[in-house]
Every structure is written in C-alpha cells, then in structure tokens.
Amino acid sequence: MDRADWSDVLAEFAGARTFAETPKTEGSGYRRHKDAGKLWFRERIELLLDPDSFRELGSTAGSAAWTKVNAQSKNPMEAERQAVPDFTPSDNVQDRCKFPTISMTL
C-alpha cells in the first residue's frame, strides 16, 4: 500500500510556524518595543518557563499571503502550486507549558 507523501504540506506548515515565531524586526511595533529596552514576548516566555516546555497551540493561525510558484508551467499540478511568501500570525498566543519549580527555605 502506497503512503501519501505529505512532505510538501508539512514544509508549508513549518514555514508558517517559522513566520509566526520570527518577529518582523523592521516593523514599527517591534522597533518601538526594543528601543524602550523591553523584551519581545517570546523572549519573556523563554525566561519565564522551563527550557523547551513551551508548546504553542495554533501556531499557524493567522493571515497568509499565497502566491503561485510557477503559474506558467504546462503541468497543471505545478501551475496551481502555491507558496506562502508572507504570514501575519494571530495576536493571540495559546500554549501548554511548565513553570519552573521554585523551592524556598524560610
């Protein structure tokens, strides 16, 4: 039994996830935030939580700009293939995470 090759679909999701996780450093909001000496929210999350415990839910939710990769191709499947050159992630980050255990002696 042949298994479907989902590598192209998984690559698109990986690309969208990378877009969502990477701030647009040229944006005025990001520059204003950093110029004020503040950490970007993902930087704050990294400092607050246990290492590698942050698991974002819906990381590919947002608005994508799709463009045809090779619209002039004579192959109909290739002519319809699209890629995401730009992605604006949702402004609502939801996650599962683990907070560090803090032991204190009084």
PDB file of N, CA and C in Angstrom:
ATOM      1  N   MET A   1       0.839  -1.177   0.000  1.00  0.00           N
ATOM      2  CA  MET A   1       0.000   0.000   0.000  1.00  0.00           C
ATOM      3  C   MET A   1       0.893   1.253   0.000  1.00  0.00           C
ATOM      4  N   ASP A   2       0.655   2.138  -0.954  1.00  0.00           N
ATOM      5  CA  ASP A   2       1.432   3.373  -1.043  1.00  0.00           C
ATOM      6  C   ASP A   2       0.952   4.368   0.007  1.00  0.00           C
ATOM      7  N   ARG A   3       1.897   5.021   0.595  1.00  0.00           N
ATOM      8  CA  ARG A   3       1.567   6.080   1.549  1.00  0.00           C
ATOM      9  C   ARG A   3       1.717   7.423   0.839  1.00  0.00           C
ATOM     10  N   ALA A   4       0.823   8.322   1.167  1.00  0.00           N
ATOM     11  CA  ALA A   4       0.887   9.654   0.572  1.00  0.00           C
ATOM     12  C   ALA A   4       2.129  10.381   1.086  1.00  0.00           C
ATOM     13  N   ASP A   5       2.730  11.167   0.226  1.00  0.00           N
ATOM     14  CA  ASP A   5       3.878  11.972   0.614  1.00  0.00           C
ATOM     15  C   ASP A   5       3.370  13.347   1.036  1.00  0.00           C
ATOM     16  N   TRP A   6       3.437  13.611   2.312  1.00  0.00           N
ATOM     17  CA  TRP A   6       2.941  14.868   2.861  1.00  0.00           C
ATOM     18  C   TRP A   6       4.075  15.859   3.107  1.00  0.00           C
ATOM     19  N   SER A   7       5.250  15.598   2.582  1.00  0.00           N
ATOM     20  CA  SER A   7       6.392  16.454   2.874  1.00  0.00           C
ATOM     21  C   SER A   7       6.171  17.895   2.428  1.00  0.00           C
ATOM     22  N   ASP A   8       5.484  18.102   1.300  1.00  0.00           N
ATOM     23  CA  ASP A   8       5.243  19.475   0.843  1.00  0.00           C
ATOM     24  C   ASP A   8       4.289  20.206   1.779  1.00  0.00           C
ATOM     25  N   VAL A   9       3.262  19.521   2.254  1.00  0.00           N
ATOM     26  CA  VAL A   9       2.302  20.139   3.179  1.00  0.00           C
ATOM     27  C   VAL A   9       2.981  20.429   4.517  1.00  0.00           C
ATOM     28  N   LEU A  10       3.755  19.475   5.013  1.00  0.00           N
ATOM     29  CA  LEU A  10       4.467  19.675   6.272  1.00  0.00           C
ATOM     30  C   LEU A  10       5.486  20.804   6.159  1.00  0.00           C
ATOM     31  N   ALA A  11       6.107  20.945   4.993  1.00  0.00           N
ATOM     32  CA  ALA A  11       7.052  22.044   4.775  1.00  0.00           C
ATOM     33  C   ALA A  11       6.339  23.393   4.823  1.00  0.00           C
ATOM     34  N   GLU A  12       5.120  23.456   4.264  1.00  0.00           N
ATOM     35  CA  GLU A  12       4.348  24.703   4.326  1.00  0.00           C
ATOM     36  C   GLU A  12       4.000  25.060   5.771  1.00  0.00           C
ATOM     37  N   PHE A  13       3.602  24.055   6.558  1.00  0.00           N
ATOM     38  CA  PHE A  13       3.302  24.304   7.968  1.00  0.00           C
ATOM     39  C   PHE A  13       4.550  24.746   8.723  1.00  0.00           C
ATOM     40  N   ALA A  14       5.672  24.116   8.436  1.00  0.00           N
ATOM     41  CA  ALA A  14       6.925  24.506   9.084  1.00  0.00           C
ATOM     42  C   ALA A  14       7.280  25.946   8.725  1.00  0.00           C
ATOM     43  N   GLY A  15       7.060  26.318   7.465  1.00  0.00           N
ATOM     44  CA  GLY A  15       7.318  27.699   7.047  1.00  0.00           C
ATOM     45  C   GLY A  15       6.407  28.684   7.752  1.00  0.00           C
ATOM     46  N   ALA A  16       5.124  28.347   7.870  1.00  0.00           N
ATOM     47  CA  ALA A  16       4.174  29.221   8.572  1.00  0.00           C
ATOM     48  C   ALA A  16       4.552  29.336  10.045  1.00  0.00           C
ATOM     49  N   ARG A  17       4.977  28.237  10.642  1.00  0.00           N
ATOM     50  CA  ARG A  17       5.388  28.262  12.049  1.00  0.00           C
ATOM     51  C   ARG A  17       6.617  29.156  12.219  1.00  0.00           C
ATOM     52  N   THR A  18       7.556  29.067  11.288  1.00  0.00           N
ATOM     53  CA  THR A  18       8.747  29.918  11.347  1.00  0.00           C
ATOM     54  C   THR A  18       8.366  31.385  11.208  1.00  0.00           C
ATOM     55  N   PHE A  19       7.446  31.687  10.265  1.00  0.00           N
ATOM     56  CA  PHE A  19       6.961  33.067  10.126  1.00  0.00           C
ATOM     57  C   PHE A  19       6.357  33.548  11.440  1.00  0.00           C
ATOM     58  N   ALA A  20       5.549  32.709  12.086  1.00  0.00           N
ATOM     59  CA  ALA A  20       4.870  33.098  13.322  1.00  0.00           C
ATOM     60  C   ALA A  20       5.855  33.322  14.463  1.00  0.00           C
ATOM     61  N   GLU A  21       6.920  32.535  14.513  1.00  0.00           N
ATOM     62  CA  GLU A  21       7.877  32.618  15.612  1.00  0.00           C
ATOM     63  C   GLU A  21       8.927  33.703  15.416  1.00  0.00           C
ATOM     64  N   THR A  22       9.060  34.207  14.203  1.00  0.00           N
ATOM     65  CA  THR A  22      10.088  35.195  13.899  1.00  0.00           C
ATOM     66  C   THR A  22       9.459  36.579  13.815  1.00  0.00           C
ATOM     67  N   PRO A  23       9.825  37.487  14.719  1.00  0.00           N
ATOM     68  CA  PRO A  23       9.226  38.820  14.665  1.00  0.00           C
ATOM     69  C   PRO A  23       9.675  39.586  13.426  1.00  0.00           C
ATOM     70  N   LYS A  24       8.803  40.438  12.943  1.00  0.00           N
ATOM     71  CA  LYS A  24       9.165  41.310  11.821  1.00  0.00           C
ATOM     72  C   LYS A  24       9.941  42.485  12.413  1.00  0.00           C
ATOM     73  N   THR A  25      11.249  42.337  12.430  1.00  0.00           N
ATOM     74  CA  THR A  25      12.101  43.310  13.111  1.00  0.00           C
ATOM     75  C   THR A  25      12.080  44.685  12.459  1.00  0.00           C
ATOM     76  N   GLU A  26      11.615  44.761  11.221  1.00  0.00           N
ATOM     77  CA  GLU A  26      11.524  46.065  10.555  1.00  0.00           C
ATOM     78  C   GLU A  26      10.227  46.790  10.907  1.00  0.00           C
ATOM     79  N   GLY A  27       9.314  46.122  11.589  1.00  0.00           N
ATOM     80  CA  GLY A  27       8.030  46.729  11.953  1.00  0.00           C
ATOM     81  C   GLY A  27       8.191  47.773  13.042  1.00  0.00           C
ATOM     82  N   SER A  28       7.350  48.802  12.994  1.00  0.00           N
ATOM     83  CA  SER A  28       7.461  49.897  13.963  1.00  0.00           C
ATOM     84  C   SER A  28       7.171  49.428  15.387  1.00  0.00           C
ATOM     85  N   GLY A  29       6.244  48.489  15.547  1.00  0.00           N
ATOM     86  CA  GLY A  29       5.922  47.990  16.887  1.00  0.00           C
ATOM     87  C   GLY A  29       7.107  47.290  17.532  1.00  0.00           C
ATOM     88  N   TYR A  30       7.772  46.457  16.758  1.00  0.00           N
ATOM     89  CA  TYR A  30       8.943  45.739  17.277  1.00  0.00           C
ATOM     90  C   TYR A  30      10.051  46.725  17.623  1.00  0.00           C
ATOM     91  N   ARG A  31      10.346  47.647  16.716  1.00  0.00           N
ATOM     92  CA  ARG A  31      11.421  48.628  16.961  1.00  0.00           C
ATOM     93  C   ARG A  31      11.122  49.480  18.187  1.00  0.00           C
ATOM     94  N   ARG A  32       9.886  49.943  18.299  1.00  0.00           N
ATOM     95  CA  ARG A  32       9.494  50.775  19.437  1.00  0.00           C
ATOM     96  C   ARG A  32       9.672  49.996  20.747  1.00  0.00           C
ATOM     97  N   HIS A  33       9.266  48.740  20.731  1.00  0.00           N
ATOM     98  CA  HIS A  33       9.372  47.882  21.905  1.00  0.00           C
ATOM     99  C   HIS A  33      10.838  47.699  22.315  1.00  0.00           C
ATOM    100  N   LYS A  34      11.686  47.367  21.348  1.00  0.00           N
ATOM    101  CA  LYS A  34      13.098  47.132  21.640  1.00  0.00           C
ATOM    102  C   LYS A  34      13.815  48.428  22.022  1.00  0.00           C
ATOM    103  N   ASP A  35      13.455  49.543  21.366  1.00  0.00           N
ATOM    104  CA  ASP A  35      14.070  50.832  21.698  1.00  0.00           C
ATOM    105  C   ASP A  35      13.760  51.245  23.130  1.00  0.00           C
ATOM    106  N   ALA A  36      12.625  50.771  23.648  1.00  0.00           N
ATOM    107  CA  ALA A  36      12.246  51.077  25.028  1.00  0.00           C
ATOM    108  C   ALA A  36      12.944  50.136  26.017  1.00  0.00           C
ATOM    109  N   GLY A  37      13.803  49.247  25.498  1.00  0.00           N
ATOM    110  CA  GLY A  37      14.543  48.336  26.360  1.00  0.00           C
ATOM    111  C   GLY A  37      13.743  47.133  26.825  1.00  0.00           C
ATOM    112  N   LYS A  38      12.642  46.836  26.131  1.00  0.00           N
ATOM    113  CA  LYS A  38      11.784  45.717  26.523  1.00  0.00           C
ATOM    114  C   LYS A  38      12.126  44.466  25.723  1.00  0.00           C
ATOM    115  N   LEU A  39      11.815  43.330  26.320  1.00  0.00           N
ATOM    116  CA  LEU A  39      11.972  42.055  25.628  1.00  0.00           C
ATOM    117  C   LEU A  39      10.733  41.781  24.800  1.00  0.00           C
ATOM    118  N   TRP A  40      10.920  41.147  23.644  1.00  0.00           N
ATOM    119  CA  TRP A  40       9.799  40.694  22.818  1.00  0.00           C
ATOM    120  C   TRP A  40       9.111  39.570  23.572  1.00  0.00           C
ATOM    121  N   PHE A  41       7.820  39.346  23.341  1.00  0.00           N
ATOM    122  CA  PHE A  41       7.083  38.415  24.191  1.00  0.00           C
ATOM    123  C   PHE A  41       7.665  37.006  24.182  1.00  0.00           C
ATOM    124  N   ARG A  42       8.192  36.547  23.073  1.00  0.00           N
ATOM    125  CA  ARG A  42       8.796  35.204  23.054  1.00  0.00           C
ATOM    126  C   ARG A  42      10.079  35.168  23.884  1.00  0.00           C
ATOM    127  N   GLU A  43      10.791  36.274  23.942  1.00  0.00           N
ATOM    128  CA  GLU A  43      11.974  36.351  24.802  1.00  0.00           C
ATOM    129  C   GLU A  43      11.568  36.280  26.271  1.00  0.00           C
ATOM    130  N   ARG A  44      10.466  36.947  26.625  1.00  0.00           N
ATOM    131  CA  ARG A  44       9.969  36.882  28.004  1.00  0.00           C
ATOM    132  C   ARG A  44       9.523  35.469  28.359  1.00  0.00           C
ATOM    133  N   ILE A  45       8.858  34.801  27.426  1.00  0.00           N
ATOM    134  CA  ILE A  45       8.406  33.428  27.659  1.00  0.00           C
ATOM    135  C   ILE A  45       9.602  32.516  27.923  1.00  0.00           C
ATOM    136  N   GLU A  46      10.662  32.661  27.127  1.00  0.00           N
ATOM    137  CA  GLU A  46      11.853  31.827  27.305  1.00  0.00           C
ATOM    138  C   GLU A  46      12.467  32.001  28.688  1.00  0.00           C
ATOM    139  N   LEU A  47      12.426  33.225  29.215  1.00  0.00           N
ATOM    140  CA  LEU A  47      12.996  33.476  30.537  1.00  0.00           C
ATOM    141  C   LEU A  47      12.087  32.991  31.663  1.00  0.00           C
ATOM    142  N   LEU A  48      10.794  32.989  31.434  1.00  0.00           N
ATOM    143  CA  LEU A  48       9.822  32.661  32.473  1.00  0.00           C
ATOM    144  C   LEU A  48       9.635  31.166  32.679  1.00  0.00           C
ATOM    145  N   LEU A  49       9.654  30.397  31.610  1.00  0.00           N
ATOM    146  CA  LEU A  49       9.292  28.982  31.675  1.00  0.00           C
ATOM    147  C   LEU A  49      10.504  28.064  31.684  1.00  0.00           C
ATOM    148  N   ASP A  50      10.241  26.802  32.033  1.00  0.00           N
ATOM    149  CA  ASP A  50      11.286  25.784  31.936  1.00  0.00           C
ATOM    150  C   ASP A  50      11.749  25.684  30.485  1.00  0.00           C
ATOM    151  N   PRO A  51      13.037  25.401  30.268  1.00  0.00           N
ATOM    152  CA  PRO A  51      13.549  25.279  28.895  1.00  0.00           C
ATOM    153  C   PRO A  51      12.785  24.232  28.084  1.00  0.00           C
ATOM    154  N   ASP A  52      12.456  24.584  26.881  1.00  0.00           N
ATOM    155  CA  ASP A  52      11.789  23.695  25.916  1.00  0.00           C
ATOM    156  C   ASP A  52      10.438  23.165  26.381  1.00  0.00           C
ATOM    157  N   SER A  53       9.781  23.847  27.335  1.00  0.00           N
ATOM    158  CA  SER A  53       8.468  23.363  27.786  1.00  0.00           C
ATOM    159  C   SER A  53       7.318  24.106  27.111  1.00  0.00           C
ATOM    160  N   PHE A  54       7.602  25.201  26.419  1.00  0.00           N
ATOM    161  CA  PHE A  54       6.554  25.990  25.769  1.00  0.00           C
ATOM    162  C   PHE A  54       6.100  25.287  24.500  1.00  0.00           C
ATOM    163  N   ARG A  55       4.824  24.950  24.438  1.00  0.00           N
ATOM    164  CA  ARG A  55       4.232  24.300  23.267  1.00  0.00           C
ATOM    165  C   ARG A  55       3.067  25.152  22.804  1.00  0.00           C
ATOM    166  N   GLU A  56       3.306  25.937  21.778  1.00  0.00           N
ATOM    167  CA  GLU A  56       2.279  26.851  21.288  1.00  0.00           C
ATOM    168  C   GLU A  56       1.185  26.087  20.551  1.00  0.00           C
ATOM    169  N   LEU A  57      -0.058  26.412  20.864  1.00  0.00           N
ATOM    170  CA  LEU A  57      -1.213  25.818  20.194  1.00  0.00           C
ATOM    171  C   LEU A  57      -1.686  26.787  19.123  1.00  0.00           C
ATOM    172  N   GLY A  58      -1.969  26.290  17.953  1.00  0.00           N
ATOM    173  CA  GLY A  58      -2.449  27.150  16.875  1.00  0.00           C
ATOM    174  C   GLY A  58      -1.384  28.084  16.342  1.00  0.00           C
ATOM    175  N   SER A  59      -0.142  27.619  16.325  1.00  0.00           N
ATOM    176  CA  SER A  59       0.961  28.492  15.905  1.00  0.00           C
ATOM    177  C   SER A  59       0.869  28.912  14.449  1.00  0.00           C
ATOM    178  N   THR A  60       0.078  28.195  13.658  1.00  0.00           N
ATOM    179  CA  THR A  60      -0.062  28.572  12.250  1.00  0.00           C
ATOM    180  C   THR A  60      -1.353  29.339  11.995  1.00  0.00           C
ATOM    181  N   ALA A  61      -2.031  29.772  13.057  1.00  0.00           N
ATOM    182  CA  ALA A  61      -3.235  30.590  12.889  1.00  0.00           C
ATOM    183  C   ALA A  61      -2.813  32.016  12.549  1.00  0.00           C
ATOM    184  N   GLY A  62      -3.459  32.589  11.573  1.00  0.00           N
ATOM    185  CA  GLY A  62      -3.139  33.944  11.165  1.00  0.00           C
ATOM    186  C   GLY A  62      -3.551  34.171   9.725  1.00  0.00           C
ATOM    187  N   SER A  63      -2.986  35.182   9.116  1.00  0.00           N
ATOM    188  CA  SER A  63      -3.301  35.524   7.728  1.00  0.00           C
ATOM    189  C   SER A  63      -2.087  35.261   6.847  1.00  0.00           C
ATOM    190  N   ALA A  64      -2.297  34.488   5.807  1.00  0.00           N
ATOM    191  CA  ALA A  64      -1.211  34.158   4.886  1.00  0.00           C
ATOM    192  C   ALA A  64      -1.450  34.818   3.537  1.00  0.00           C
ATOM    193  N   ALA A  65      -0.362  35.230   2.908  1.00  0.00           N
ATOM    194  CA  ALA A  65      -0.413  35.744   1.540  1.00  0.00           C
ATOM    195  C   ALA A  65       0.094  34.629   0.638  1.00  0.00           C
ATOM    196  N   TRP A  66      -0.778  34.069  -0.179  1.00  0.00           N
ATOM    197  CA  TRP A  66      -0.420  32.957  -1.065  1.00  0.00           C
ATOM    198  C   TRP A  66      -0.095  33.481  -2.458  1.00  0.00           C
ATOM    199  N   THR A  67       0.937  32.926  -3.076  1.00  0.00           N
ATOM    200  CA  THR A  67       1.262  33.258  -4.464  1.00  0.00           C
ATOM    201  C   THR A  67       1.563  31.974  -5.224  1.00  0.00           C
ATOM    202  N   LYS A  68       1.223  31.973  -6.508  1.00  0.00           N
ATOM    203  CA  LYS A  68       1.521  30.809  -7.343  1.00  0.00           C
ATOM    204  C   LYS A  68       3.019  30.769  -7.611  1.00  0.00           C
ATOM    205  N   VAL A  69       3.581  29.591  -7.469  1.00  0.00           N
ATOM    206  CA  VAL A  69       5.021  29.419  -7.625  1.00  0.00           C
ATOM    207  C   VAL A  69       5.425  29.435  -9.089  1.00  0.00           C
ATOM    208  N   ASN A  70       4.665  28.729  -9.925  1.00  0.00           N
ATOM    209  CA  ASN A  70       5.030  28.598 -11.331  1.00  0.00           C
ATOM    210  C   ASN A  70       3.758  28.590 -12.177  1.00  0.00           C
ATOM    211  N   ALA A  71       3.089  29.719 -12.243  1.00  0.00           N
ATOM    212  CA  ALA A  71       1.804  29.804 -12.947  1.00  0.00           C
ATOM    213  C   ALA A  71       1.932  29.518 -14.437  1.00  0.00           C
ATOM    214  N   GLN A  72       3.113  29.694 -15.016  1.00  0.00           N
ATOM    215  CA  GLN A  72       3.307  29.494 -16.455  1.00  0.00           C
ATOM    216  C   GLN A  72       3.600  28.043 -16.833  1.00  0.00           C
ATOM    217  N   SER A  73       3.690  27.172 -15.841  1.00  0.00           N
ATOM    218  CA  SER A  73       4.021  25.772 -16.111  1.00  0.00           C
ATOM    219  C   SER A  73       2.935  25.098 -16.943  1.00  0.00           C
ATOM    220  N   LYS A  74       3.349  24.208 -17.828  1.00  0.00           N
ATOM    221  CA  LYS A  74       2.387  23.455 -18.643  1.00  0.00           C
ATOM    222  C   LYS A  74       1.792  22.297 -17.853  1.00  0.00           C
ATOM    223  N   ASN A  75       2.445  21.927 -16.780  1.00  0.00           N
ATOM    224  CA  ASN A  75       1.930  20.886 -15.898  1.00  0.00           C
ATOM    225  C   ASN A  75       0.851  21.516 -15.011  1.00  0.00           C
ATOM    226  N   PRO A  76      -0.420  21.076 -15.126  1.00  0.00           N
ATOM    227  CA  PRO A  76      -1.496  21.713 -14.361  1.00  0.00           C
ATOM    228  C   PRO A  76      -1.288  21.663 -12.849  1.00  0.00           C
ATOM    229  N   MET A  77      -0.724  20.582 -12.343  1.00  0.00           N
ATOM    230  CA  MET A  77      -0.480  20.493 -10.898  1.00  0.00           C
ATOM    231  C   MET A  77       0.570  21.516 -10.467  1.00  0.00           C
ATOM    232  N   GLU A  78       1.625  21.642 -11.264  1.00  0.00           N
ATOM    233  CA  GLU A  78       2.685  22.593 -10.942  1.00  0.00           C
ATOM    234  C   GLU A  78       2.196  24.032 -11.104  1.00  0.00           C
ATOM    235  N   ALA A  79       1.347  24.280 -12.084  1.00  0.00           N
ATOM    236  CA  ALA A  79       0.830  25.633 -12.322  1.00  0.00           C
ATOM    237  C   ALA A  79      -0.050  26.113 -11.170  1.00  0.00           C
ATOM    238  N   GLU A  80      -0.681  25.190 -10.455  1.00  0.00           N
ATOM    239  CA  GLU A  80      -1.559  25.561  -9.340  1.00  0.00           C
ATOM    240  C   GLU A  80      -0.846  25.573  -7.991  1.00  0.00           C
ATOM    241  N   ARG A  81       0.384  25.099  -7.958  1.00  0.00           N
ATOM    242  CA  ARG A  81       1.112  25.041  -6.684  1.00  0.00           C
ATOM    243  C   ARG A  81       1.361  26.449  -6.150  1.00  0.00           C
ATOM    244  N   GLN A  82       1.118  26.620  -4.847  1.00  0.00           N
ATOM    245  CA  GLN A  82       1.271  27.929  -4.228  1.00  0.00           C
ATOM    246  C   GLN A  82       2.215  27.849  -3.037  1.00  0.00           C
ATOM    247  N   ALA A  83       2.779  28.986  -2.690  1.00  0.00           N
ATOM    248  CA  ALA A  83       3.666  29.098  -1.531  1.00  0.00           C
ATOM    249  C   ALA A  83       3.254  30.319  -0.722  1.00  0.00           C
ATOM    250  N   VAL A  84       3.738  30.385   0.491  1.00  0.00           N
ATOM    251  CA  VAL A  84       3.418  31.494   1.394  1.00  0.00           C
ATOM    252  C   VAL A  84       4.660  32.375   1.547  1.00  0.00           C
ATOM    253  N   PRO A  85       4.712  33.523   0.842  1.00  0.00           N
ATOM    254  CA  PRO A  85       5.863  34.409   0.993  1.00  0.00           C
ATOM    255  C   PRO A  85       5.778  35.302   2.232  1.00  0.00           C
ATOM    256  N   ASP A  86       4.567  35.475   2.767  1.00  0.00           N
ATOM    257  CA  ASP A  86       4.406  36.334   3.939  1.00  0.00           C
ATOM    258  C   ASP A  86       3.278  35.793   4.800  1.00  0.00           C
ATOM    259  N   PHE A  87       3.424  35.948   6.098  1.00  0.00           N
ATOM    260  CA  PHE A  87       2.454  35.423   7.050  1.00  0.00           C
ATOM    261  C   PHE A  87       2.371  36.371   8.233  1.00  0.00           C
ATOM    262  N   THR A  88       1.161  36.737   8.623  1.00  0.00           N
ATOM    263  CA  THR A  88       0.947  37.552   9.810  1.00  0.00           C
ATOM    264  C   THR A  88       0.282  36.671  10.855  1.00  0.00           C
ATOM    265  N   PRO A  89       1.004  36.339  11.931  1.00  0.00           N
ATOM    266  CA  PRO A  89       0.435  35.439  12.927  1.00  0.00           C
ATOM    267  C   PRO A  89      -0.684  36.097  13.718  1.00  0.00           C
ATOM    268  N   SER A  90      -1.528  35.266  14.282  1.00  0.00           N
ATOM    269  CA  SER A  90      -2.589  35.736  15.160  1.00  0.00           C
ATOM    270  C   SER A  90      -1.956  36.443  16.355  1.00  0.00           C
ATOM    271  N   ASP A  91      -2.661  37.413  16.911  1.00  0.00           N
ATOM    272  CA  ASP A  91      -2.119  38.117  18.073  1.00  0.00           C
ATOM    273  C   ASP A  91      -2.556  37.468  19.387  1.00  0.00           C
ATOM    274  N   ASN A  92      -3.042  36.243  19.320  1.00  0.00           N
ATOM    275  CA  ASN A  92      -3.491  35.520  20.500  1.00  0.00           C
ATOM    276  C   ASN A  92      -2.659  34.248  20.625  1.00  0.00           C
ATOM    277  N   VAL A  93      -1.693  34.260  21.517  1.00  0.00           N
ATOM    278  CA  VAL A  93      -0.826  33.100  21.701  1.00  0.00           C
ATOM    279  C   VAL A  93      -1.391  32.229  22.816  1.00  0.00           C
ATOM    280  N   GLN A  94      -1.647  30.965  22.500  1.00  0.00           N
ATOM    281  CA  GLN A  94      -2.110  29.997  23.487  1.00  0.00           C
ATOM    282  C   GLN A  94      -1.071  28.894  23.561  1.00  0.00           C
ATOM    283  N   ASP A  95      -0.928  28.332  24.737  1.00  0.00           N
ATOM    284  CA  ASP A  95       0.148  27.361  24.875  1.00  0.00           C
ATOM    285  C   ASP A  95      -0.106  26.374  25.997  1.00  0.00           C
ATOM    286  N   ARG A  96       0.773  25.396  26.024  1.00  0.00           N
ATOM    287  CA  ARG A  96       0.926  24.492  27.159  1.00  0.00           C
ATOM    288  C   ARG A  96       2.379  24.663  27.575  1.00  0.00           C
ATOM    289  N   CYS A  97       2.605  24.768  28.865  1.00  0.00           N
ATOM    290  CA  CYS A  97       3.970  24.992  29.314  1.00  0.00           C
ATOM    291  C   CYS A  97       4.151  24.451  30.725  1.00  0.00           C
ATOM    292  N   LYS A  98       5.371  24.515  31.179  1.00  0.00           N
ATOM    293  CA  LYS A  98       5.703  24.086  32.527  1.00  0.00           C
ATOM    294  C   LYS A  98       6.473  25.211  33.201  1.00  0.00           C
ATOM    295  N   PHE A  99       5.921  25.689  34.305  1.00  0.00           N
ATOM    296  CA  PHE A  99       6.611  26.717  35.066  1.00  0.00           C
ATOM    297  C   PHE A  99       7.697  26.066  35.911  1.00  0.00           C
ATOM    298  N   PRO A 100       8.787  26.764  36.122  1.00  0.00           N
ATOM    299  CA  PRO A 100       9.859  26.198  36.942  1.00  0.00           C
ATOM    300  C   PRO A 100       9.384  25.969  38.371  1.00  0.00           C
ATOM    301  N   THR A 101       9.903  24.935  38.982  1.00  0.00           N
ATOM    302  CA  THR A 101       9.616  24.683  40.388  1.00  0.00           C
ATOM    303  C   THR A 101      10.580  25.522  41.203  1.00  0.00           C
ATOM    304  N   ILE A 102      10.016  26.296  42.086  1.00  0.00           N
ATOM    305  CA  ILE A 102      10.841  27.168  42.917  1.00  0.00           C
ATOM    306  C   ILE A 102      10.775  26.644  44.343  1.00  0.00           C
ATOM    307  N   SER A 103      11.906  26.301  44.886  1.00  0.00           N
ATOM    308  CA  SER A 103      11.923  25.861  46.280  1.00  0.00           C
ATOM    309  C   SER A 103      12.516  26.983  47.118  1.00  0.00           C
ATOM    310  N   MET A 104      11.838  27.271  48.189  1.00  0.00           N
ATOM    311  CA  MET A 104      12.276  28.354  49.066  1.00  0.00           C
ATOM    312  C   MET A 104      12.367  27.829  50.493  1.00  0.00           C
ATOM    313  N   THR A 105      13.366  28.254  51.176  1.00  0.00           N
ATOM    314  CA  THR A 105      13.500  27.933  52.590  1.00  0.00           C
ATOM    315  C   THR A 105      13.335  29.226  53.359  1.00  0.00           C
ATOM    316  N   LEU A 106      12.395  29.213  54.286  1.00  0.00           N
ATOM    317  CA  LEU A 106      12.160  30.416  55.098  1.00  0.00           C
ATOM    318  C   LEU A 106      12.754  30.253  56.472  1.00  0.00           C
TER     319      LEU A 106
END
